[in-house]
Amino acid sequence: MIDGAKDKLVAPRLVSGLSEIADDYDLILCDVWGVMHNGLAAFPAAGAALERARAGGARVLMVSNAPRPNAFVIAMLDGFGVPRTAYDGIVTSGDVTRDVLAARPGVKLFHLGPPRDLGTFDGLDVTPTSLADAELVVCTGLLNDDVETPKDYAERLAAMKARDLLFVCANPDLVVERGETLVYCAGALAQLYEQIGGRAIYCGKPHKPIYDVALRRAAALGGAPVRPERVLAIGDALRTDIIGATAAGFDSLFISSGIHAEELHRENGSEPDAEA
C-alpha cells in the first residue's frame, strides 16, 4: 500500500450518485476505463453526470493509467462516444512516462508491449533497442493481452533482473475490463518483476507523479491551485483509484460496478455487499 494511505482510510458511505456530493468540490479527477466506458462502449450516464458537475462549476480532468499520451485517449473516447463536454482535459500515465524519458535524453530503451503503444515515444530523444543492449525497460502492457498472463513473461523478467534494468511501468493497473472480461496490464508485470527483486517505477495511479501533473493542469485551467480537500477522485479500482486518492489527501467516489463487481456481488445492478 502507498505510504500514508492506510492511516487515512475511513468507512465508506453510500451515495445515490455524483450529483449528491458534486457541490462540495472544485476539481473532479475521474478514471476512464471502467467508469466512462468498458473497453467497448461508453457509459452514457457517467458522461451526463460529469456534464452536470461541470455545469455546476466543477472542473473535470480524466486521469487515466492508459500508457499512451492524452491525445490518443481523447481519440479513443471520441470513438466510444464519450462526449468532450464531460471533461476539461486528460492526464495519462503515458504523459508521465514521457516526462520520465524526457529527463533521460538519448536513453536506450527496450519497449515491452504491443505495437499500438509505440506512439508513446513519438518525438522523444530515445533509442529503441534490444533487451540485450537496453539501459531500461518501458512496459506498456502484454504483447497479446487476450491470451497471455504474467507467468508467460517469467523468463524475460528474469533476464531483465540479471542485468538490473530499471522497469518503467507505463500502466500500473493490474487488470482492466474489456467488455465482460478482465485482461492483464503492465502493472501485473511490474509487480512480478519487483517480487523477483527488480527495480520498478510507476507512472500512474496510485503513485504521486500523476496527481502532481493533474493538479498543475487544474491550476492552469482555473488560474489558481486547488486545495486537496476540494478534490474528488472517481474510480472503480481500490488499489489504484481509491488508495491513490487517499494517499494524496483527496476524497474519493468508488464505482462498485467496475472491476470489483463480482467480489462485491454487484452484478446486475444490485447493491454492493458492504461485508465483501
Protein backbone atom coordinates (compact mmCIF):
# COMPACT_ATOMS: atom_id res chain seq x y z
CA MET A 1 0.00 0.00 0.00
CA ILE A 2 1.14 3.55 -0.72
CA ASP A 3 2.83 5.15 2.30
CA GLY A 4 0.36 7.05 4.46
CA ALA A 5 -2.78 5.78 2.74
CA LYS A 6 -3.79 3.17 5.33
CA ASP A 7 -3.97 5.71 8.18
CA LYS A 8 -6.22 7.99 6.13
CA LEU A 9 -8.85 5.42 5.13
CA VAL A 10 -12.33 5.98 6.55
CA ALA A 11 -15.54 3.96 6.48
CA PRO A 12 -17.41 4.49 3.21
CA ARG A 13 -20.95 5.79 2.91
CA LEU A 14 -23.39 5.04 0.14
CA VAL A 15 -24.46 7.92 -2.11
CA SER A 16 -27.09 7.96 -4.81
CA GLY A 17 -24.72 9.46 -7.36
CA LEU A 18 -22.24 12.21 -8.12
CA SER A 19 -24.93 14.91 -8.01
CA GLU A 20 -25.38 14.29 -4.27
CA ILE A 21 -21.84 15.46 -3.47
CA ALA A 22 -20.54 17.37 -6.52
CA ASP A 23 -21.14 20.81 -5.00
CA ASP A 24 -18.52 20.06 -2.34
CA TYR A 25 -15.68 20.02 -4.86
CA ASP A 26 -13.88 22.34 -7.25
CA LEU A 27 -12.00 19.61 -9.11
CA ILE A 28 -13.01 16.11 -10.11
CA LEU A 29 -10.32 13.63 -11.17
CA CYS A 30 -12.16 10.85 -12.97
CA ASP A 31 -10.89 7.46 -14.01
CA VAL A 32 -11.63 6.41 -17.58
CA TRP A 33 -11.63 2.65 -18.12
CA GLY A 34 -14.44 1.01 -16.11
CA VAL A 35 -16.00 4.37 -15.25
CA MET A 36 -16.55 6.14 -18.57
CA HIS A 37 -16.50 3.01 -20.76
CA ASN A 38 -15.93 -0.74 -20.53
CA GLY A 39 -13.43 -1.06 -23.35
CA LEU A 40 -16.17 -1.49 -25.93
CA ALA A 41 -18.71 1.31 -25.43
CA ALA A 42 -19.32 4.42 -23.36
CA PHE A 43 -21.48 4.58 -20.25
CA PRO A 44 -23.85 7.46 -21.17
CA ALA A 45 -24.95 8.09 -17.58
CA ALA A 46 -21.36 8.69 -16.49
CA GLY A 47 -20.82 11.30 -19.19
CA ALA A 48 -24.08 13.03 -18.28
CA ALA A 49 -23.13 13.12 -14.58
CA LEU A 50 -19.84 14.83 -15.35
CA GLU A 51 -21.55 17.30 -17.68
CA ARG A 52 -23.86 18.29 -14.81
CA ALA A 53 -20.90 18.67 -12.45
CA ARG A 54 -19.15 20.95 -14.94
CA ALA A 55 -22.32 22.98 -15.38
CA GLY A 56 -22.34 23.42 -11.60
CA GLY A 57 -18.85 24.92 -11.64
CA ALA A 58 -16.50 21.97 -11.12
CA ARG A 59 -13.54 21.35 -13.39
CA VAL A 60 -13.17 17.76 -14.57
CA LEU A 61 -9.93 16.08 -15.55
CA MET A 62 -9.81 12.50 -16.72
CA VAL A 63 -6.88 10.76 -15.04
CA SER A 64 -6.08 7.51 -16.77
CA ASN A 65 -3.49 4.79 -16.41
CA ALA A 66 -3.51 4.43 -20.19
CA PRO A 67 0.12 4.05 -21.30
CA ARG A 68 -0.32 6.37 -24.27
CA PRO A 69 -0.32 10.20 -24.34
CA ASN A 70 -3.57 12.04 -23.74
CA ALA A 71 -4.23 12.74 -27.45
CA PHE A 72 -4.60 9.00 -28.08
CA VAL A 73 -7.04 8.68 -25.19
CA ILE A 74 -9.12 11.62 -26.40
CA ALA A 75 -9.43 9.94 -29.80
CA MET A 76 -10.37 6.66 -28.13
CA LEU A 77 -13.07 8.35 -26.04
CA ASP A 78 -14.43 10.01 -29.16
CA GLY A 79 -14.68 6.57 -30.74
CA PHE A 80 -16.55 5.14 -27.76
CA GLY A 81 -18.94 8.09 -27.75
CA VAL A 82 -17.82 9.80 -24.55
CA PRO A 83 -18.77 13.48 -25.02
CA ARG A 84 -15.97 16.03 -24.86
CA THR A 85 -18.37 18.22 -22.89
CA ALA A 86 -17.91 15.79 -19.97
CA TYR A 87 -14.35 16.89 -19.23
CA ASP A 88 -11.87 19.77 -19.40
CA GLY A 89 -8.76 17.73 -20.13
CA ILE A 90 -6.99 14.41 -19.74
CA VAL A 91 -3.82 13.34 -17.93
CA THR A 92 -2.47 9.86 -18.63
CA SER A 93 0.18 7.56 -17.30
CA GLY A 94 1.63 7.80 -20.79
CA ASP A 95 2.13 11.55 -20.28
CA VAL A 96 4.08 10.87 -17.09
CA THR A 97 6.08 8.14 -18.83
CA ARG A 98 7.12 10.67 -21.45
CA ASP A 99 8.27 13.03 -18.68
CA VAL A 100 10.39 10.23 -17.18
CA LEU A 101 12.02 9.54 -20.55
CA ALA A 102 12.48 13.23 -21.42
CA ALA A 103 14.63 13.51 -18.29
CA ARG A 104 16.93 10.82 -19.75
CA PRO A 105 17.85 12.15 -23.22
CA GLY A 106 19.36 9.56 -25.53
CA VAL A 107 18.48 6.63 -23.28
CA LYS A 108 18.48 3.18 -24.87
CA LEU A 109 15.18 1.55 -24.07
CA PHE A 110 13.53 -1.78 -24.66
CA HIS A 111 9.79 -1.48 -25.25
CA LEU A 112 7.79 -4.32 -23.74
CA GLY A 113 4.26 -4.01 -25.05
CA PRO A 114 2.06 -4.10 -28.15
CA PRO A 115 2.96 -2.08 -31.27
CA ARG A 116 -0.16 0.08 -30.82
CA ASP A 117 1.63 1.81 -27.92
CA LEU A 118 4.67 2.96 -29.91
CA GLY A 119 3.18 6.45 -30.19
CA THR A 120 4.15 6.92 -26.54
CA PHE A 121 7.70 7.56 -27.74
CA ASP A 122 6.93 9.94 -30.64
CA GLY A 123 9.17 13.00 -30.62
CA LEU A 124 11.31 11.86 -27.68
CA ASP A 125 15.10 11.67 -27.71
CA VAL A 126 15.26 7.94 -27.02
CA THR A 127 16.83 4.98 -28.80
CA PRO A 128 14.68 1.85 -29.06
CA THR A 129 16.91 -1.22 -28.90
CA SER A 130 17.03 -4.90 -27.99
CA LEU A 131 16.76 -6.14 -24.45
CA ALA A 132 20.44 -7.12 -24.55
CA ASP A 133 21.51 -3.52 -25.27
CA ALA A 134 18.89 -1.63 -23.27
CA GLU A 135 19.58 0.70 -20.36
CA LEU A 136 15.99 0.47 -19.13
CA VAL A 137 12.68 -1.19 -19.99
CA VAL A 138 9.43 0.65 -20.66
CA CYS A 139 6.43 -1.63 -20.27
CA THR A 140 3.11 -0.52 -21.71
CA GLY A 141 1.39 -3.87 -21.44
CA LEU A 142 1.39 -7.50 -22.50
CA LEU A 143 2.10 -8.27 -26.16
CA ASN A 144 -1.19 -10.17 -26.52
CA ASP A 145 -3.38 -9.49 -23.51
CA ASP A 146 -6.24 -11.54 -24.96
CA VAL A 147 -4.44 -14.78 -24.14
CA GLU A 148 -1.26 -14.07 -22.15
CA THR A 149 -0.73 -13.88 -18.40
CA PRO A 150 2.20 -12.50 -16.37
CA LYS A 151 3.55 -16.04 -15.94
CA ASP A 152 4.31 -16.10 -19.66
CA TYR A 153 6.93 -13.39 -19.01
CA ALA A 154 8.85 -15.08 -16.19
CA GLU A 155 11.90 -15.89 -18.31
CA ARG A 156 12.07 -12.43 -19.86
CA LEU A 157 11.70 -10.71 -16.49
CA ALA A 158 14.48 -12.86 -15.08
CA ALA A 159 16.74 -11.71 -17.92
CA MET A 160 15.94 -8.08 -17.05
CA LYS A 161 16.68 -8.71 -13.39
CA ALA A 162 20.00 -10.33 -14.26
CA ARG A 163 21.04 -7.01 -15.85
CA ASP A 164 19.46 -4.95 -13.05
CA LEU A 165 17.40 -2.98 -15.58
CA LEU A 166 15.02 -0.32 -14.33
CA PHE A 167 11.43 -1.24 -15.24
CA VAL A 168 9.34 1.82 -16.12
CA CYS A 169 5.69 0.81 -15.75
CA ALA A 170 3.57 2.94 -18.06
CA ASN A 171 0.31 1.49 -16.75
CA PRO A 172 0.20 0.47 -13.07
CA ASP A 173 -3.20 -1.24 -13.42
CA LEU A 174 -3.11 -4.96 -12.73
CA VAL A 175 -6.21 -5.68 -14.81
CA VAL A 176 -8.88 -3.74 -16.71
CA GLU A 177 -12.29 -4.60 -18.08
CA ARG A 178 -12.72 -5.36 -21.75
CA GLY A 179 -16.41 -5.95 -22.11
CA GLU A 180 -17.18 -8.76 -19.65
CA THR A 181 -13.55 -9.91 -19.49
CA LEU A 182 -10.64 -8.82 -17.28
CA VAL A 183 -7.29 -8.55 -19.07
CA TYR A 184 -3.84 -8.14 -17.54
CA CYS A 185 -1.94 -4.83 -17.72
CA ALA A 186 1.65 -3.65 -17.33
CA GLY A 187 1.21 -3.29 -13.57
CA ALA A 188 0.92 -7.06 -13.23
CA LEU A 189 4.31 -7.48 -14.91
CA ALA A 190 5.88 -4.74 -12.77
CA GLN A 191 4.54 -6.43 -9.64
CA LEU A 192 6.07 -9.75 -10.69
CA TYR A 193 9.37 -8.02 -11.52
CA GLU A 194 9.53 -6.49 -8.04
CA GLN A 195 8.72 -9.87 -6.49
CA ILE A 196 11.94 -11.29 -8.01
CA GLY A 197 13.93 -8.29 -6.73
CA GLY A 198 13.75 -5.99 -9.76
CA ARG A 199 13.56 -2.18 -9.63
CA ALA A 200 10.37 -0.56 -10.94
CA ILE A 201 8.93 2.93 -11.12
CA TYR A 202 5.25 3.56 -11.72
CA CYS A 203 3.98 6.42 -13.87
CA GLY A 204 0.29 6.34 -12.98
CA LYS A 205 -2.18 5.85 -10.17
CA PRO A 206 -1.87 5.22 -7.24
CA HIS A 207 1.52 6.94 -7.30
CA LYS A 208 2.12 10.64 -6.68
CA PRO A 209 3.59 11.88 -10.01
CA ILE A 210 0.37 11.58 -12.00
CA TYR A 211 -1.58 13.51 -9.33
CA ASP A 212 1.06 16.24 -9.34
CA VAL A 213 0.64 16.61 -13.11
CA ALA A 214 -3.15 16.69 -12.76
CA LEU A 215 -3.05 19.37 -10.08
CA ARG A 216 -0.73 21.53 -12.18
CA ARG A 217 -3.09 21.14 -15.14
CA ALA A 218 -6.07 22.07 -12.99
CA ALA A 219 -4.31 25.15 -11.64
CA ALA A 220 -3.55 26.26 -15.18
CA LEU A 221 -7.19 25.81 -16.16
CA GLY A 222 -8.57 27.65 -13.15
CA GLY A 223 -5.89 30.23 -12.61
CA ALA A 224 -5.17 29.10 -9.04
CA PRO A 225 -4.14 25.95 -7.15
CA VAL A 226 -6.88 23.64 -5.91
CA ARG A 227 -6.79 22.64 -2.23
CA PRO A 228 -6.72 18.85 -1.70
CA GLU A 229 -9.93 18.93 0.37
CA ARG A 230 -11.72 20.38 -2.68
CA VAL A 231 -10.68 17.48 -4.93
CA LEU A 232 -12.80 14.39 -5.59
CA ALA A 233 -11.33 11.34 -7.31
CA ILE A 234 -13.68 8.88 -9.03
CA GLY A 235 -12.69 5.33 -9.89
CA ASP A 236 -13.53 1.65 -9.86
CA ALA A 237 -10.21 0.20 -8.65
CA LEU A 238 -9.49 0.14 -4.93
CA ARG A 239 -5.75 -0.46 -5.39
CA THR A 240 -5.16 2.44 -7.79
CA ASP A 241 -8.03 4.95 -7.74
CA ILE A 242 -9.09 4.86 -4.11
CA ILE A 243 -5.76 4.20 -2.40
CA GLY A 244 -4.06 6.76 -4.64
CA ALA A 245 -6.64 9.42 -3.90
CA THR A 246 -6.49 8.72 -0.16
CA ALA A 247 -2.69 8.98 -0.09
CA ALA A 248 -2.92 12.30 -1.96
CA GLY A 249 -5.40 13.69 0.56
CA PHE A 250 -8.42 13.63 -1.76
CA ASP A 251 -11.93 12.35 -1.15
CA SER A 252 -12.98 9.55 -3.47
CA LEU A 253 -16.11 8.14 -5.05
CA PHE A 254 -15.84 4.38 -5.58
CA ILE A 255 -17.71 2.89 -8.54
CA SER A 256 -18.63 -0.54 -7.26
CA SER A 257 -19.91 -1.83 -10.61
CA GLY A 258 -16.40 -1.88 -12.15
CA ILE A 259 -13.59 -4.41 -11.78
CA HIS A 260 -14.63 -5.34 -8.21
CA ALA A 261 -18.28 -6.00 -9.16
CA GLU A 262 -18.07 -9.78 -8.80
CA GLU A 263 -16.37 -9.80 -5.40
CA LEU A 264 -18.83 -7.16 -4.15
CA HIS A 265 -21.77 -9.16 -5.54
CA ARG A 266 -22.64 -6.07 -7.57
CA GLU A 267 -23.71 -7.80 -10.79
CA ASN A 268 -27.00 -6.95 -12.50
CA GLY A 269 -27.45 -3.62 -10.71
CA SER A 270 -27.72 -4.98 -7.17
CA GLU A 271 -26.49 -3.01 -4.17
CA PRO A 272 -22.83 -3.69 -3.23
CA ASP A 273 -22.19 -6.10 -0.36
CA ALA A 274 -20.61 -3.99 2.40
CA GLU A 275 -19.25 -7.13 4.08
CA ALA A 276 -17.42 -8.38 0.97
